[in-house]
Amino acid sequence: MPVNTGALVSILVLLAVLALDVWVYTDATQRLRQGKAASVSIGTVRLETPQAWFLGCLILWVVFFPLYLMATGRNPFSR
């Protein structure tokens, strides 16, 4: 039985994104408990709670995951 590698790659990418979403949620929860909440304001929209970060990453990961990294001071591209 032939294996569809395109489907396999898509599933692996989806699993990686979901794992990162769970990491964002747990990290944001820990930061909130420590009093160092990751907070970003874009116009009238404010991302501050772990649930908001999780939903943002779940819906539009390509935008919210890098934004979370920047909000927490983990931007790998800053020098």
PDB file of N, CA and C in Angstrom:
ATOM      1  N   MET A   1       0.841  -1.172   0.000  1.00  0.00           N
ATOM      2  CA  MET A   1       0.000   0.000   0.000  1.00  0.00           C
ATOM      3  C   MET A   1       0.893   1.246   0.000  1.00  0.00           C
ATOM      4  N   PRO A   2       0.755   2.125  -0.983  1.00  0.00           N
ATOM      5  CA  PRO A   2       1.610   3.313  -1.060  1.00  0.00           C
ATOM      6  C   PRO A   2       1.237   4.349   0.008  1.00  0.00           C
ATOM      7  N   VAL A   3       2.259   5.033   0.469  1.00  0.00           N
ATOM      8  CA  VAL A   3       2.060   6.058   1.491  1.00  0.00           C
ATOM      9  C   VAL A   3       2.041   7.426   0.815  1.00  0.00           C
ATOM     10  N   ASN A   4       1.050   8.228   1.124  1.00  0.00           N
ATOM     11  CA  ASN A   4       0.951   9.572   0.589  1.00  0.00           C
ATOM     12  C   ASN A   4       1.823  10.480   1.453  1.00  0.00           C
ATOM     13  N   THR A   5       3.029  10.800   0.962  1.00  0.00           N
ATOM     14  CA  THR A   5       3.964  11.590   1.768  1.00  0.00           C
ATOM     15  C   THR A   5       3.472  13.020   1.991  1.00  0.00           C
ATOM     16  N   GLY A   6       2.732  13.564   1.047  1.00  0.00           N
ATOM     17  CA  GLY A   6       2.186  14.914   1.216  1.00  0.00           C
ATOM     18  C   GLY A   6       1.241  14.985   2.396  1.00  0.00           C
ATOM     19  N   ALA A   7       0.394  13.979   2.531  1.00  0.00           N
ATOM     20  CA  ALA A   7      -0.546  13.943   3.651  1.00  0.00           C
ATOM     21  C   ALA A   7       0.199  13.741   4.965  1.00  0.00           C
ATOM     22  N   LEU A   8       1.230  12.904   4.941  1.00  0.00           N
ATOM     23  CA  LEU A   8       2.018  12.650   6.142  1.00  0.00           C
ATOM     24  C   LEU A   8       2.732  13.915   6.612  1.00  0.00           C
ATOM     25  N   VAL A   9       3.306  14.658   5.686  1.00  0.00           N
ATOM     26  CA  VAL A   9       3.979  15.906   6.030  1.00  0.00           C
ATOM     27  C   VAL A   9       2.980  16.910   6.595  1.00  0.00           C
ATOM     28  N   SER A  10       1.799  16.998   5.996  1.00  0.00           N
ATOM     29  CA  SER A  10       0.769  17.910   6.488  1.00  0.00           C
ATOM     30  C   SER A  10       0.351  17.565   7.913  1.00  0.00           C
ATOM     31  N   ILE A  11       0.206  16.304   8.200  1.00  0.00           N
ATOM     32  CA  ILE A  11      -0.166  15.864   9.541  1.00  0.00           C
ATOM     33  C   ILE A  11       0.944  16.182  10.540  1.00  0.00           C
ATOM     34  N   LEU A  12       2.192  15.970  10.154  1.00  0.00           N
ATOM     35  CA  LEU A  12       3.311  16.268  11.048  1.00  0.00           C
ATOM     36  C   LEU A  12       3.419  17.765  11.335  1.00  0.00           C
ATOM     37  N   VAL A  13       3.202  18.591  10.323  1.00  0.00           N
ATOM     38  CA  VAL A  13       3.228  20.043  10.525  1.00  0.00           C
ATOM     39  C   VAL A  13       2.089  20.463  11.450  1.00  0.00           C
ATOM     40  N   LEU A  14       0.918  19.914  11.240  1.00  0.00           N
ATOM     41  CA  LEU A  14      -0.229  20.224  12.094  1.00  0.00           C
ATOM     42  C   LEU A  14       0.042  19.830  13.542  1.00  0.00           C
ATOM     43  N   LEU A  15       0.628  18.668  13.747  1.00  0.00           N
ATOM     44  CA  LEU A  15       0.954  18.220  15.109  1.00  0.00           C
ATOM     45  C   LEU A  15       1.999  19.128  15.756  1.00  0.00           C
ATOM     46  N   ALA A  16       2.986  19.582  14.982  1.00  0.00           N
ATOM     47  CA  ALA A  16       4.001  20.499  15.505  1.00  0.00           C
ATOM     48  C   ALA A  16       3.375  21.831  15.910  1.00  0.00           C
ATOM     49  N   VAL A  17       2.481  22.350  15.090  1.00  0.00           N
ATOM     50  CA  VAL A  17       1.811  23.618  15.402  1.00  0.00           C
ATOM     51  C   VAL A  17       0.940  23.463  16.648  1.00  0.00           C
ATOM     52  N   LEU A  18       0.224  22.374  16.752  1.00  0.00           N
ATOM     53  CA  LEU A  18      -0.602  22.141  17.949  1.00  0.00           C
ATOM     54  C   LEU A  18       0.254  22.019  19.210  1.00  0.00           C
ATOM     55  N   ALA A  19       1.400  21.363  19.086  1.00  0.00           N
ATOM     56  CA  ALA A  19       2.303  21.242  20.229  1.00  0.00           C
ATOM     57  C   ALA A  19       2.819  22.613  20.653  1.00  0.00           C
ATOM     58  N   LEU A  20       3.139  23.471  19.689  1.00  0.00           N
ATOM     59  CA  LEU A  20       3.596  24.821  20.010  1.00  0.00           C
ATOM     60  C   LEU A  20       2.473  25.658  20.619  1.00  0.00           C
ATOM     61  N   ASP A  21       1.245  25.446  20.168  1.00  0.00           N
ATOM     62  CA  ASP A  21       0.101  26.148  20.756  1.00  0.00           C
ATOM     63  C   ASP A  21      -0.062  25.776  22.225  1.00  0.00           C
ATOM     64  N   VAL A  22       0.092  24.499  22.533  1.00  0.00           N
ATOM     65  CA  VAL A  22      -0.008  24.046  23.929  1.00  0.00           C
ATOM     66  C   VAL A  22       1.141  24.637  24.742  1.00  0.00           C
ATOM     67  N   TRP A  23       2.334  24.712  24.152  1.00  0.00           N
ATOM     68  CA  TRP A  23       3.469  25.319  24.839  1.00  0.00           C
ATOM     69  C   TRP A  23       3.204  26.792  25.139  1.00  0.00           C
ATOM     70  N   VAL A  24       2.654  27.523  24.173  1.00  0.00           N
ATOM     71  CA  VAL A  24       2.326  28.935  24.377  1.00  0.00           C
ATOM     72  C   VAL A  24       1.346  29.076  25.545  1.00  0.00           C
ATOM     73  N   TYR A  25       0.333  28.233  25.576  1.00  0.00           N
ATOM     74  CA  TYR A  25      -0.658  28.301  26.653  1.00  0.00           C
ATOM     75  C   TYR A  25      -0.012  28.041  28.014  1.00  0.00           C
ATOM     76  N   THR A  26       0.793  26.991  28.126  1.00  0.00           N
ATOM     77  CA  THR A  26       1.405  26.674  29.422  1.00  0.00           C
ATOM     78  C   THR A  26       2.421  27.735  29.822  1.00  0.00           C
ATOM     79  N   ASP A  27       3.178  28.238  28.882  1.00  0.00           N
ATOM     80  CA  ASP A  27       4.156  29.277  29.188  1.00  0.00           C
ATOM     81  C   ASP A  27       3.454  30.569  29.612  1.00  0.00           C
ATOM     82  N   ALA A  28       2.397  30.940  28.896  1.00  0.00           N
ATOM     83  CA  ALA A  28       1.648  32.152  29.251  1.00  0.00           C
ATOM     84  C   ALA A  28       0.999  32.005  30.621  1.00  0.00           C
ATOM     85  N   THR A  29       0.538  30.801  30.951  1.00  0.00           N
ATOM     86  CA  THR A  29      -0.049  30.557  32.266  1.00  0.00           C
ATOM     87  C   THR A  29       0.997  30.712  33.368  1.00  0.00           C
ATOM     88  N   GLN A  30       2.179  30.157  33.157  1.00  0.00           N
ATOM     89  CA  GLN A  30       3.257  30.281  34.141  1.00  0.00           C
ATOM     90  C   GLN A  30       3.679  31.734  34.304  1.00  0.00           C
ATOM     91  N   ARG A  31       3.784  32.459  33.209  1.00  0.00           N
ATOM     92  CA  ARG A  31       4.168  33.872  33.273  1.00  0.00           C
ATOM     93  C   ARG A  31       3.124  34.690  34.035  1.00  0.00           C
ATOM     94  N   LEU A  32       1.856  34.383  33.806  1.00  0.00           N
ATOM     95  CA  LEU A  32       0.783  35.100  34.503  1.00  0.00           C
ATOM     96  C   LEU A  32       0.857  34.852  36.003  1.00  0.00           C
ATOM     97  N   ARG A  33       1.137  33.621  36.414  1.00  0.00           N
ATOM     98  CA  ARG A  33       1.267  33.283  37.844  1.00  0.00           C
ATOM     99  C   ARG A  33       2.452  34.005  38.485  1.00  0.00           C
ATOM    100  N   GLN A  34       3.496  34.236  37.684  1.00  0.00           N
ATOM    101  CA  GLN A  34       4.687  34.919  38.196  1.00  0.00           C
ATOM    102  C   GLN A  34       4.559  36.434  38.149  1.00  0.00           C
ATOM    103  N   GLY A  35       3.446  36.919  37.609  1.00  0.00           N
ATOM    104  CA  GLY A  35       3.240  38.354  37.507  1.00  0.00           C
ATOM    105  C   GLY A  35       3.929  38.991  36.320  1.00  0.00           C
ATOM    106  N   LYS A  36       4.351  38.175  35.351  1.00  0.00           N
ATOM    107  CA  LYS A  36       5.026  38.677  34.151  1.00  0.00           C
ATOM    108  C   LYS A  36       4.217  38.309  32.907  1.00  0.00           C
ATOM    109  N   ALA A  37       2.971  38.713  32.869  1.00  0.00           N
ATOM    110  CA  ALA A  37       2.084  38.347  31.762  1.00  0.00           C
ATOM    111  C   ALA A  37       2.619  38.887  30.439  1.00  0.00           C
ATOM    112  N   ALA A  38       2.530  38.064  29.408  1.00  0.00           N
ATOM    113  CA  ALA A  38       2.879  38.492  28.051  1.00  0.00           C
ATOM    114  C   ALA A  38       1.715  39.320  27.534  1.00  0.00           C
ATOM    115  N   SER A  39       1.980  40.581  27.251  1.00  0.00           N
ATOM    116  CA  SER A  39       0.898  41.483  26.873  1.00  0.00           C
ATOM    117  C   SER A  39       1.277  42.265  25.624  1.00  0.00           C
ATOM    118  N   VAL A  40       0.339  42.315  24.682  1.00  0.00           N
ATOM    119  CA  VAL A  40       0.533  43.065  23.440  1.00  0.00           C
ATOM    120  C   VAL A  40      -0.758  43.792  23.125  1.00  0.00           C
ATOM    121  N   SER A  41      -0.639  45.048  22.722  1.00  0.00           N
ATOM    122  CA  SER A  41      -1.799  45.821  22.285  1.00  0.00           C
ATOM    123  C   SER A  41      -1.619  46.192  20.821  1.00  0.00           C
ATOM    124  N   ILE A  42      -2.649  45.890  20.038  1.00  0.00           N
ATOM    125  CA  ILE A  42      -2.670  46.261  18.628  1.00  0.00           C
ATOM    126  C   ILE A  42      -3.966  47.043  18.417  1.00  0.00           C
ATOM    127  N   GLY A  43      -3.841  48.342  18.382  1.00  0.00           N
ATOM    128  CA  GLY A  43      -5.047  49.163  18.303  1.00  0.00           C
ATOM    129  C   GLY A  43      -5.864  48.989  19.566  1.00  0.00           C
ATOM    130  N   THR A  44      -7.097  48.599  19.404  1.00  0.00           N
ATOM    131  CA  THR A  44      -7.969  48.380  20.566  1.00  0.00           C
ATOM    132  C   THR A  44      -7.952  46.935  21.049  1.00  0.00           C
ATOM    133  N   VAL A  45      -7.230  46.080  20.358  1.00  0.00           N
ATOM    134  CA  VAL A  45      -7.147  44.661  20.730  1.00  0.00           C
ATOM    135  C   VAL A  45      -5.964  44.461  21.668  1.00  0.00           C
ATOM    136  N   ARG A  46      -6.222  43.798  22.786  1.00  0.00           N
ATOM    137  CA  ARG A  46      -5.167  43.528  23.760  1.00  0.00           C
ATOM    138  C   ARG A  46      -5.096  42.029  24.028  1.00  0.00           C
ATOM    139  N   LEU A  47      -3.915  41.462  23.815  1.00  0.00           N
ATOM    140  CA  LEU A  47      -3.670  40.049  24.110  1.00  0.00           C
ATOM    141  C   LEU A  47      -2.909  39.976  25.422  1.00  0.00           C
ATOM    142  N   GLU A  48      -3.508  39.301  26.388  1.00  0.00           N
ATOM    143  CA  GLU A  48      -2.875  39.251  27.696  1.00  0.00           C
ATOM    144  C   GLU A  48      -3.069  37.911  28.398  1.00  0.00           C
ATOM    145  N   THR A  49      -4.204  37.282  28.216  1.00  0.00           N
ATOM    146  CA  THR A  49      -4.487  36.037  28.928  1.00  0.00           C
ATOM    147  C   THR A  49      -3.937  34.835  28.160  1.00  0.00           C
ATOM    148  N   PRO A  50      -3.650  33.754  28.873  1.00  0.00           N
ATOM    149  CA  PRO A  50      -3.201  32.543  28.192  1.00  0.00           C
ATOM    150  C   PRO A  50      -4.228  32.024  27.173  1.00  0.00           C
ATOM    151  N   GLN A  51      -5.509  32.186  27.486  1.00  0.00           N
ATOM    152  CA  GLN A  51      -6.551  31.733  26.558  1.00  0.00           C
ATOM    153  C   GLN A  51      -6.524  32.539  25.262  1.00  0.00           C
ATOM    154  N   ALA A  52      -6.313  33.841  25.379  1.00  0.00           N
ATOM    155  CA  ALA A  52      -6.243  34.683  24.178  1.00  0.00           C
ATOM    156  C   ALA A  52      -5.044  34.318  23.321  1.00  0.00           C
ATOM    157  N   TRP A  53      -3.903  34.079  23.957  1.00  0.00           N
ATOM    158  CA  TRP A  53      -2.716  33.680  23.198  1.00  0.00           C
ATOM    159  C   TRP A  53      -2.933  32.328  22.524  1.00  0.00           C
ATOM    160  N   PHE A  54      -3.533  31.392  23.257  1.00  0.00           N
ATOM    161  CA  PHE A  54      -3.780  30.066  22.684  1.00  0.00           C
ATOM    162  C   PHE A  54      -4.712  30.155  21.479  1.00  0.00           C
ATOM    163  N   LEU A  55      -5.817  30.883  21.625  1.00  0.00           N
ATOM    164  CA  LEU A  55      -6.758  31.008  20.507  1.00  0.00           C
ATOM    165  C   LEU A  55      -6.134  31.735  19.319  1.00  0.00           C
ATOM    166  N   GLY A  56      -5.370  32.773  19.602  1.00  0.00           N
ATOM    167  CA  GLY A  56      -4.692  33.482  18.520  1.00  0.00           C
ATOM    168  C   GLY A  56      -3.746  32.570  17.764  1.00  0.00           C
ATOM    169  N   CYS A  57      -2.955  31.801  18.502  1.00  0.00           N
ATOM    170  CA  CYS A  57      -2.017  30.870  17.854  1.00  0.00           C
ATOM    171  C   CYS A  57      -2.756  29.755  17.127  1.00  0.00           C
ATOM    172  N   LEU A  58      -3.854  29.311  17.693  1.00  0.00           N
ATOM    173  CA  LEU A  58      -4.630  28.243  17.065  1.00  0.00           C
ATOM    174  C   LEU A  58      -5.247  28.705  15.749  1.00  0.00           C
ATOM    175  N   ILE A  59      -5.756  29.937  15.725  1.00  0.00           N
ATOM    176  CA  ILE A  59      -6.441  30.446  14.540  1.00  0.00           C
ATOM    177  C   ILE A  59      -5.462  30.947  13.482  1.00  0.00           C
ATOM    178  N   LEU A  60      -4.451  31.715  13.914  1.00  0.00           N
ATOM    179  CA  LEU A  60      -3.522  32.319  12.950  1.00  0.00           C
ATOM    180  C   LEU A  60      -2.106  32.217  13.499  1.00  0.00           C
ATOM    181  N   TRP A  61      -1.578  31.006  13.507  1.00  0.00           N
ATOM    182  CA  TRP A  61      -0.300  30.699  14.130  1.00  0.00           C
ATOM    183  C   TRP A  61       0.842  31.518  13.540  1.00  0.00           C
ATOM    184  N   VAL A  62       0.841  31.693  12.255  1.00  0.00           N
ATOM    185  CA  VAL A  62       1.956  32.365  11.581  1.00  0.00           C
ATOM    186  C   VAL A  62       2.109  33.817  12.042  1.00  0.00           C
ATOM    187  N   VAL A  63       1.073  34.412  12.579  1.00  0.00           N
ATOM    188  CA  VAL A  63       1.136  35.783  13.081  1.00  0.00           C
ATOM    189  C   VAL A  63       1.349  35.798  14.597  1.00  0.00           C
ATOM    190  N   PHE A  64       0.560  35.023  15.330  1.00  0.00           N
ATOM    191  CA  PHE A  64       0.547  35.123  16.780  1.00  0.00           C
ATOM    192  C   PHE A  64       1.725  34.437  17.465  1.00  0.00           C
ATOM    193  N   PHE A  65       2.267  33.381  16.895  1.00  0.00           N
ATOM    194  CA  PHE A  65       3.405  32.725  17.545  1.00  0.00           C
ATOM    195  C   PHE A  65       4.635  33.633  17.559  1.00  0.00           C
ATOM    196  N   PRO A  66       5.020  34.236  16.433  1.00  0.00           N
ATOM    197  CA  PRO A  66       6.146  35.176  16.505  1.00  0.00           C
ATOM    198  C   PRO A  66       5.845  36.387  17.403  1.00  0.00           C
ATOM    199  N   LEU A  67       4.605  36.831  17.411  1.00  0.00           N
ATOM    200  CA  LEU A  67       4.202  37.943  18.268  1.00  0.00           C
ATOM    201  C   LEU A  67       4.366  37.570  19.743  1.00  0.00           C
ATOM    202  N   TYR A  68       4.016  36.346  20.090  1.00  0.00           N
ATOM    203  CA  TYR A  68       4.193  35.874  21.464  1.00  0.00           C
ATOM    204  C   TYR A  68       5.676  35.832  21.833  1.00  0.00           C
ATOM    205  N   LEU A  69       6.491  35.346  20.914  1.00  0.00           N
ATOM    206  CA  LEU A  69       7.930  35.300  21.187  1.00  0.00           C
ATOM    207  C   LEU A  69       8.482  36.702  21.427  1.00  0.00           C
ATOM    208  N   MET A  70       8.036  37.661  20.642  1.00  0.00           N
ATOM    209  CA  MET A  70       8.489  39.039  20.830  1.00  0.00           C
ATOM    210  C   MET A  70       7.972  39.610  22.150  1.00  0.00           C
ATOM    211  N   ALA A  71       6.737  39.300  22.510  1.00  0.00           N
ATOM    212  CA  ALA A  71       6.145  39.823  23.743  1.00  0.00           C
ATOM    213  C   ALA A  71       6.835  39.275  24.980  1.00  0.00           C
ATOM    214  N   THR A  72       7.410  38.093  24.871  1.00  0.00           N
ATOM    215  CA  THR A  72       8.081  37.483  26.018  1.00  0.00           C
ATOM    216  C   THR A  72       9.599  37.696  25.996  1.00  0.00           C
ATOM    217  N   GLY A  73      10.070  38.444  25.030  1.00  0.00           N
ATOM    218  CA  GLY A  73      11.512  38.714  24.954  1.00  0.00           C
ATOM    219  C   GLY A  73      12.318  37.569  24.391  1.00  0.00           C
ATOM    220  N   ARG A  74      11.679  36.698  23.660  1.00  0.00           N
ATOM    221  CA  ARG A  74      12.361  35.537  23.074  1.00  0.00           C
ATOM    222  C   ARG A  74      12.538  35.661  21.564  1.00  0.00           C
ATOM    223  N   ASN A  75      12.577  36.871  21.071  1.00  0.00           N
ATOM    224  CA  ASN A  75      12.690  37.073  19.629  1.00  0.00           C
ATOM    225  C   ASN A  75      14.068  36.599  19.149  1.00  0.00           C
ATOM    226  N   PRO A  76      14.116  35.533  18.380  1.00  0.00           N
ATOM    227  CA  PRO A  76      15.411  35.017  17.933  1.00  0.00           C
ATOM    228  C   PRO A  76      16.093  35.896  16.890  1.00  0.00           C
ATOM    229  N   PHE A  77      15.388  36.872  16.353  1.00  0.00           N
ATOM    230  CA  PHE A  77      15.942  37.703  15.300  1.00  0.00           C
ATOM    231  C   PHE A  77      16.465  39.044  15.811  1.00  0.00           C
ATOM    232  N   SER A  78      16.260  39.348  17.078  1.00  0.00           N
ATOM    233  CA  SER A  78      16.752  40.619  17.622  1.00  0.00           C
ATOM    234  C   SER A  78      18.191  40.440  18.098  1.00  0.00           C
ATOM    235  N   ARG A  79      18.932  41.470  17.939  1.00  0.00           N
ATOM    236  CA  ARG A  79      20.349  41.432  18.371  1.00  0.00           C
ATOM    237  C   ARG A  79      20.652  42.687  19.124  1.00  0.00           C
TER     238      ARG A  79
END
